[in-house]
């Protein structure tokens, strides 16, 4: 998986350049299929330094190695602690170590041994007890409000998680996938896309909803946008071809049937375009995209 980890780290660079303030928690995860050059999908980049930049932006990304370097040249840390910090930092360039609370706390404890003020300077805070109490209460309430929906999602209580925090993308996607109400599926998909227009799953949901209503023009529109954000997913090409096949047979008028026929003819070209996105490194890792026309797709293409 070494090549895959390098590939996954490289795909994060375009998003870092475009988002100097970061993309927030899991922002790059929902966007990575748009810039993939190989089949390697993970929730976090296998690189602590890059992940900090993707989540929080350029300033924290620069501050982390600066703090590590400051610790390494400090005379206040023992050689043992410097070795520990160096190993954690270097290993973190190939894995997401700071995702583990124990590792993160260890880094904080080591860095805490360094005096981060200039010689003779001290930082003093003159806060009243009421201000400290108000700040503490606000922090506790905010932390609780954010912790509850994530805990509920972990416990698979997705409706409760979304009711507490309506912008919870993971919970809304779960609800969308499990719902049997087509109106609710559309509503949840549209809500997700308002927050994150790179989420391919929401576009797929809207395409299937349009298919259920025999609106093949919308099927083409939504499925095209979904494939543009998930072009290595061969199963969706097959599903798309099956919907277009039905459109050719049952379309409302000749214009719709003709449009479905043209789009079905274009699917092999879409597969070729996806092949062109595969990089040299992406072609060397274990997982490879399936982008050759198989018997299922060929059978659907014979209608032409």
Protein backbone atom coordinates (compact mmCIF):
# COMPACT_ATOMS: atom_id res chain seq x y z
CA UNK A 1 0.00 0.00 0.00
CA UNK A 2 3.05 2.31 0.03
CA UNK A 3 2.37 3.52 -3.51
CA UNK A 4 -1.27 4.00 -2.65
CA UNK A 5 -0.39 6.17 0.32
CA UNK A 6 1.83 8.37 -1.81
CA UNK A 7 -0.92 8.57 -4.43
CA UNK A 8 -3.48 9.51 -1.79
CA UNK A 9 -1.22 12.22 -0.39
CA UNK A 10 -0.62 13.66 -3.85
CA UNK A 11 -4.35 13.97 -4.59
CA UNK A 12 -4.71 16.33 -1.61
CA UNK A 13 -2.39 18.96 -3.06
CA UNK A 14 -4.91 20.55 -5.49
CA UNK A 15 -7.41 21.04 -2.67
CA UNK A 16 -4.76 22.63 -0.46
CA UNK A 17 -3.93 25.20 -3.12
CA UNK A 18 -7.60 26.07 -3.60
CA UNK A 19 -8.54 26.15 0.11
CA UNK A 20 -6.02 28.17 2.17
CA UNK A 21 -8.39 28.11 5.16
CA UNK A 22 -8.91 24.35 4.95
CA UNK A 23 -11.89 22.21 4.00
CA UNK A 24 -13.06 21.19 7.46
CA UNK A 25 -13.57 17.70 8.84
CA UNK A 26 -13.83 15.12 6.00
CA UNK A 27 -13.98 17.89 3.40
CA UNK A 28 -11.31 16.26 1.26
CA UNK A 29 -12.86 12.80 1.70
CA UNK A 30 -16.02 13.84 -0.14
CA UNK A 31 -14.02 15.63 -2.82
CA UNK A 32 -11.18 13.21 -3.48
CA UNK A 33 -12.91 11.24 -6.27
CA UNK A 34 -12.91 14.38 -8.41
CA UNK A 35 -9.11 14.45 -8.55
CA UNK A 36 -8.22 10.77 -8.18
CA UNK A 37 -5.56 9.32 -10.46
CA UNK A 38 -5.88 5.81 -9.03
CA UNK A 39 -8.22 3.65 -6.99
CA UNK A 40 -7.28 4.45 -3.41
CA UNK A 41 -9.99 5.94 -1.20
CA UNK A 42 -9.56 6.55 2.53
CA UNK A 43 -11.21 8.92 5.00
CA UNK A 44 -7.90 10.55 5.92
CA UNK A 45 -4.73 11.24 3.97
CA UNK A 46 -1.88 9.07 5.26
CA UNK A 47 0.11 12.14 6.18
CA UNK A 48 -0.43 14.15 9.38
CA UNK A 49 1.11 17.31 7.97
CA UNK A 50 -1.03 17.33 4.80
CA UNK A 51 -4.17 16.37 6.72
CA UNK A 52 -3.75 19.37 9.01
CA UNK A 53 -3.53 21.58 5.93
CA UNK A 54 -6.61 20.01 4.35
CA UNK A 55 -8.67 20.29 7.54
CA UNK A 56 -7.50 23.59 9.03
CA UNK A 57 -5.57 25.45 6.31
CA UNK A 58 -2.11 26.79 5.60
CA UNK A 59 -1.38 28.52 8.92
CA UNK A 60 -1.79 25.41 11.15
CA UNK A 61 0.01 23.40 8.47
CA UNK A 62 3.02 25.71 8.81
CA UNK A 63 2.75 25.95 12.60
CA UNK A 64 3.00 22.20 13.23
CA UNK A 65 6.46 21.58 11.67
CA UNK A 66 7.64 24.95 13.07
CA UNK A 67 6.71 23.77 16.56
CA UNK A 68 8.46 20.45 16.00
CA UNK A 69 11.62 22.19 14.79
CA UNK A 70 11.46 24.55 17.78
CA UNK A 71 11.32 21.55 20.10
CA UNK A 72 14.22 19.82 18.34
CA UNK A 73 16.56 22.80 18.74
CA UNK A 74 15.43 23.60 22.27
CA UNK A 75 17.80 22.79 25.13
CA UNK A 76 14.87 22.22 27.44
CA UNK A 77 13.99 18.81 25.99
CA UNK A 78 15.94 15.65 26.71
CA UNK A 79 17.42 13.64 23.86
CA UNK A 80 14.90 10.87 24.52
CA UNK A 81 11.93 13.19 24.07
CA UNK A 82 13.45 14.69 20.93
CA UNK A 83 13.83 11.22 19.47
CA UNK A 84 10.22 10.40 20.33
CA UNK A 85 8.95 13.59 18.73
CA UNK A 86 11.11 13.09 15.63
CA UNK A 87 9.88 9.51 15.15
CA UNK A 88 6.23 10.55 15.56
CA UNK A 89 6.63 13.43 13.09
CA UNK A 90 8.49 11.39 10.45
CA UNK A 91 6.18 8.40 10.76
CA UNK A 92 3.26 10.81 10.49
CA UNK A 93 4.41 11.70 7.00
CA UNK A 94 3.30 8.21 5.93
CA UNK A 95 0.34 7.68 8.25
CA UNK A 96 -2.29 9.63 10.12
CA UNK A 97 -0.92 9.13 13.64
CA UNK A 98 -2.51 12.21 15.21
CA UNK A 99 -5.93 10.64 14.68
CA UNK A 100 -5.13 8.54 17.74
CA UNK A 101 -5.73 10.46 20.97
CA UNK A 102 -2.82 8.76 22.74
CA UNK A 103 -0.32 9.92 20.09
CA UNK A 104 -1.76 13.43 20.00
CA UNK A 105 -1.61 13.73 23.80
CA UNK A 106 1.98 12.44 23.79
CA UNK A 107 2.99 15.15 21.30
CA UNK A 108 1.26 17.82 23.40
CA UNK A 109 2.93 16.60 26.60
CA UNK A 110 6.37 16.66 24.96
CA UNK A 111 5.86 20.13 23.50
CA UNK A 112 4.55 21.40 26.80
CA UNK A 113 8.02 20.96 28.32
CA UNK A 114 9.35 23.79 26.13
CA UNK A 115 9.08 27.38 27.35
CA UNK A 116 7.45 29.13 24.37
CA UNK A 117 8.15 32.71 25.48
CA UNK A 118 11.15 34.93 25.00
CA UNK A 119 13.64 35.18 27.81
CA UNK A 120 12.31 37.34 30.62
CA UNK A 121 8.87 37.65 29.05
CA UNK A 122 5.72 36.33 30.64
CA UNK A 123 2.16 36.14 29.46
CA UNK A 124 -0.40 37.32 31.93
CA UNK A 125 -4.16 37.16 31.68
CA UNK A 126 -6.24 39.44 33.85
CA UNK A 127 -9.63 37.80 33.63
CA UNK A 128 -12.36 38.07 36.18
CA UNK A 129 -13.88 34.97 37.69
CA UNK A 130 -17.18 35.67 35.95
CA UNK A 131 -15.42 35.85 32.56
CA UNK A 132 -13.59 32.60 33.20
CA UNK A 133 -16.82 30.93 34.32
CA UNK A 134 -18.70 32.21 31.27
CA UNK A 135 -15.95 30.98 28.95
CA UNK A 136 -15.91 27.58 30.63
CA UNK A 137 -19.69 27.22 30.41
CA UNK A 138 -19.69 28.25 26.74
CA UNK A 139 -16.93 25.75 25.94
CA UNK A 140 -18.74 22.93 27.75
CA UNK A 141 -22.06 23.68 26.01
CA UNK A 142 -20.46 23.95 22.57
CA UNK A 143 -18.46 20.77 23.09
CA UNK A 144 -21.54 18.90 24.26
CA UNK A 145 -23.62 20.17 21.34
CA UNK A 146 -21.00 18.93 18.85
CA UNK A 147 -20.27 15.68 20.69
CA UNK A 148 -23.89 14.50 20.95
CA UNK A 149 -24.65 14.17 17.19
CA UNK A 150 -21.32 12.48 16.47
CA UNK A 151 -21.91 10.03 19.32
CA UNK A 152 -25.42 9.41 18.01
CA UNK A 153 -24.04 8.71 14.53
CA UNK A 154 -21.54 6.26 16.01
CA UNK A 155 -24.48 4.53 17.73
CA UNK A 156 -26.29 4.48 14.34
CA UNK A 157 -29.04 6.80 15.61
CA UNK A 158 -28.93 8.82 12.41
CA UNK A 159 -32.32 10.53 12.74
CA UNK A 160 -31.44 11.80 16.21
CA UNK A 161 -27.99 12.95 15.05
CA UNK A 162 -29.52 14.94 12.19
CA UNK A 163 -32.22 16.41 14.44
CA UNK A 164 -29.57 17.77 16.82
CA UNK A 165 -27.17 18.88 14.08
CA UNK A 166 -28.99 19.25 10.71
CA UNK A 167 -25.71 19.83 8.84
CA UNK A 168 -24.33 16.40 9.75
CA UNK A 169 -23.42 15.10 6.28
CA UNK A 170 -22.66 11.53 7.35
CA UNK A 171 -25.97 11.16 9.18
CA UNK A 172 -27.94 12.65 6.29
CA UNK A 173 -26.25 10.34 3.78
CA UNK A 174 -27.11 7.33 5.94
CA UNK A 175 -30.72 8.46 6.22
CA UNK A 176 -30.84 9.03 2.47
CA UNK A 177 -29.45 5.54 1.72
CA UNK A 178 -31.88 3.80 4.07
CA UNK A 179 -35.03 5.75 3.20
CA UNK A 180 -37.76 4.18 1.06
CA UNK A 181 -39.57 7.51 0.58
CA UNK A 182 -38.48 9.02 -2.74
CA UNK A 183 -39.44 12.55 -1.65
CA UNK A 184 -37.32 12.24 1.49
CA UNK A 185 -34.40 10.89 -0.55
CA UNK A 186 -34.54 13.95 -2.82
CA UNK A 187 -34.87 16.33 0.10
CA UNK A 188 -31.87 14.83 1.92
CA UNK A 189 -29.77 14.71 -1.25
CA UNK A 190 -30.46 18.38 -1.96
CA UNK A 191 -29.60 19.29 1.64
CA UNK A 192 -26.27 17.46 1.37
CA UNK A 193 -25.44 19.18 -1.90
CA UNK A 194 -26.14 22.62 -0.42
CA UNK A 195 -23.34 21.91 2.05
CA UNK A 196 -21.08 19.86 -0.19
CA UNK A 197 -21.57 19.90 -3.97
CA UNK A 198 -18.79 17.34 -4.49
CA UNK A 199 -20.64 14.40 -2.89
CA UNK A 200 -21.23 11.87 -5.70
CA UNK A 201 -23.65 9.76 -3.63
CA UNK A 202 -26.14 12.63 -3.43
CA UNK A 203 -26.09 13.06 -7.22
CA UNK A 204 -26.66 9.32 -7.67
CA UNK A 205 -29.66 9.54 -5.34
CA UNK A 206 -31.18 12.37 -7.36
CA UNK A 207 -30.59 10.44 -10.59
CA UNK A 208 -32.35 7.35 -9.21
CA UNK A 209 -35.22 9.53 -7.95
CA UNK A 210 -35.61 11.02 -11.43
CA UNK A 211 -35.51 7.49 -12.92
CA UNK A 212 -38.29 6.42 -10.54
CA UNK A 213 -40.40 9.30 -11.93
CA UNK A 214 -39.48 8.44 -15.56
CA UNK A 215 -37.80 11.83 -15.97
CA UNK A 216 -34.94 10.70 -18.18
CA UNK A 217 -33.67 14.19 -18.95
CA UNK A 218 -33.00 14.69 -15.24
CA UNK A 219 -31.52 11.19 -15.02
CA UNK A 220 -28.93 12.21 -17.63
CA UNK A 221 -28.22 15.51 -15.92
CA UNK A 222 -27.77 14.10 -12.41
CA UNK A 223 -25.95 10.91 -13.42
CA UNK A 224 -23.49 12.85 -15.56
CA UNK A 225 -22.63 15.04 -12.59
CA UNK A 226 -22.29 11.98 -10.36
CA UNK A 227 -19.92 10.21 -12.75
CA UNK A 228 -17.82 13.38 -13.07
CA UNK A 229 -17.23 13.08 -9.31
CA UNK A 230 -16.78 9.30 -9.22
CA UNK A 231 -15.37 8.31 -12.60
CA UNK A 232 -13.64 5.09 -11.47
CA UNK A 233 -16.90 3.52 -10.23
CA UNK A 234 -17.71 1.06 -13.02
CA UNK A 235 -20.95 -0.18 -11.45
CA UNK A 236 -22.48 3.25 -11.88
CA UNK A 237 -21.73 3.20 -15.60
CA UNK A 238 -23.65 -0.07 -15.84
CA UNK A 239 -26.53 1.32 -13.78
CA UNK A 240 -26.56 4.42 -15.96
CA UNK A 241 -26.69 2.29 -19.11
CA UNK A 242 -29.62 0.29 -17.69
CA UNK A 243 -31.57 3.49 -16.97
CA UNK A 244 -30.83 4.82 -20.46
CA UNK A 245 -31.92 1.50 -21.97
CA UNK A 246 -35.28 1.89 -20.23
CA UNK A 247 -35.43 5.47 -21.47
CA UNK A 248 -35.03 4.26 -25.05
CA UNK A 249 -37.91 1.82 -24.56
CA UNK A 250 -40.26 3.88 -22.41
CA UNK A 251 -39.29 7.53 -22.94
CA UNK A 252 -42.20 9.98 -23.09
CA UNK A 253 -41.46 11.09 -26.66
CA UNK A 254 -39.07 10.55 -29.51
CA UNK A 255 -36.80 13.43 -28.45
CA UNK A 256 -36.24 11.86 -25.03
CA UNK A 257 -35.69 8.40 -26.53
CA UNK A 258 -33.18 9.83 -29.00
CA UNK A 259 -31.34 11.65 -26.22
CA UNK A 260 -31.13 8.43 -24.19
CA UNK A 261 -29.83 6.53 -27.22
CA UNK A 262 -27.09 9.11 -27.86
CA UNK A 263 -26.08 9.10 -24.20
CA UNK A 264 -25.93 5.30 -24.14
CA UNK A 265 -23.68 5.37 -27.21
CA UNK A 266 -21.39 7.79 -25.35
CA UNK A 267 -20.76 5.55 -22.32
CA UNK A 268 -17.72 3.76 -23.87
CA UNK A 269 -16.23 7.23 -24.49
CA UNK A 270 -16.80 8.12 -20.84
CA UNK A 271 -14.95 4.96 -19.84
CA UNK A 272 -12.05 5.87 -22.12
CA UNK A 273 -11.96 9.33 -20.59
CA UNK A 274 -11.77 7.77 -17.12
CA UNK A 275 -8.88 5.56 -18.25
CA UNK A 276 -7.00 8.70 -19.27
CA UNK A 277 -7.19 9.94 -15.67
CA UNK A 278 -5.18 6.95 -14.40
CA UNK A 279 -1.64 8.07 -13.58
CA UNK A 280 1.56 6.03 -13.90
CA UNK A 281 1.65 5.56 -10.12
CA UNK A 282 -2.06 4.74 -10.05
CA UNK A 283 -1.50 1.94 -12.56
CA UNK A 284 1.11 0.31 -10.29
CA UNK A 285 -0.86 -0.05 -7.05
CA UNK A 286 -2.79 -3.18 -6.08
CA UNK A 287 -6.33 -1.91 -6.72
CA UNK A 288 -7.08 -1.11 -10.34
CA UNK A 289 -10.25 0.40 -11.83
CA UNK A 290 -12.49 -1.84 -13.94
CA UNK A 291 -13.14 0.28 -16.99
CA UNK A 292 -13.43 -2.30 -19.77
CA UNK A 293 -16.85 -2.96 -21.29
CA UNK A 294 -18.05 -6.27 -19.80
CA UNK A 295 -20.89 -8.60 -20.84
CA UNK A 296 -23.50 -6.71 -18.82
CA UNK A 297 -22.74 -3.39 -20.44
CA UNK A 298 -22.23 -4.93 -23.89
CA UNK A 299 -25.68 -6.49 -23.71
CA UNK A 300 -27.22 -3.08 -23.03
CA UNK A 301 -25.23 -1.50 -25.86
CA UNK A 302 -26.62 -4.00 -28.39
CA UNK A 303 -29.89 -2.02 -28.45
CA UNK A 304 -28.03 0.44 -30.65
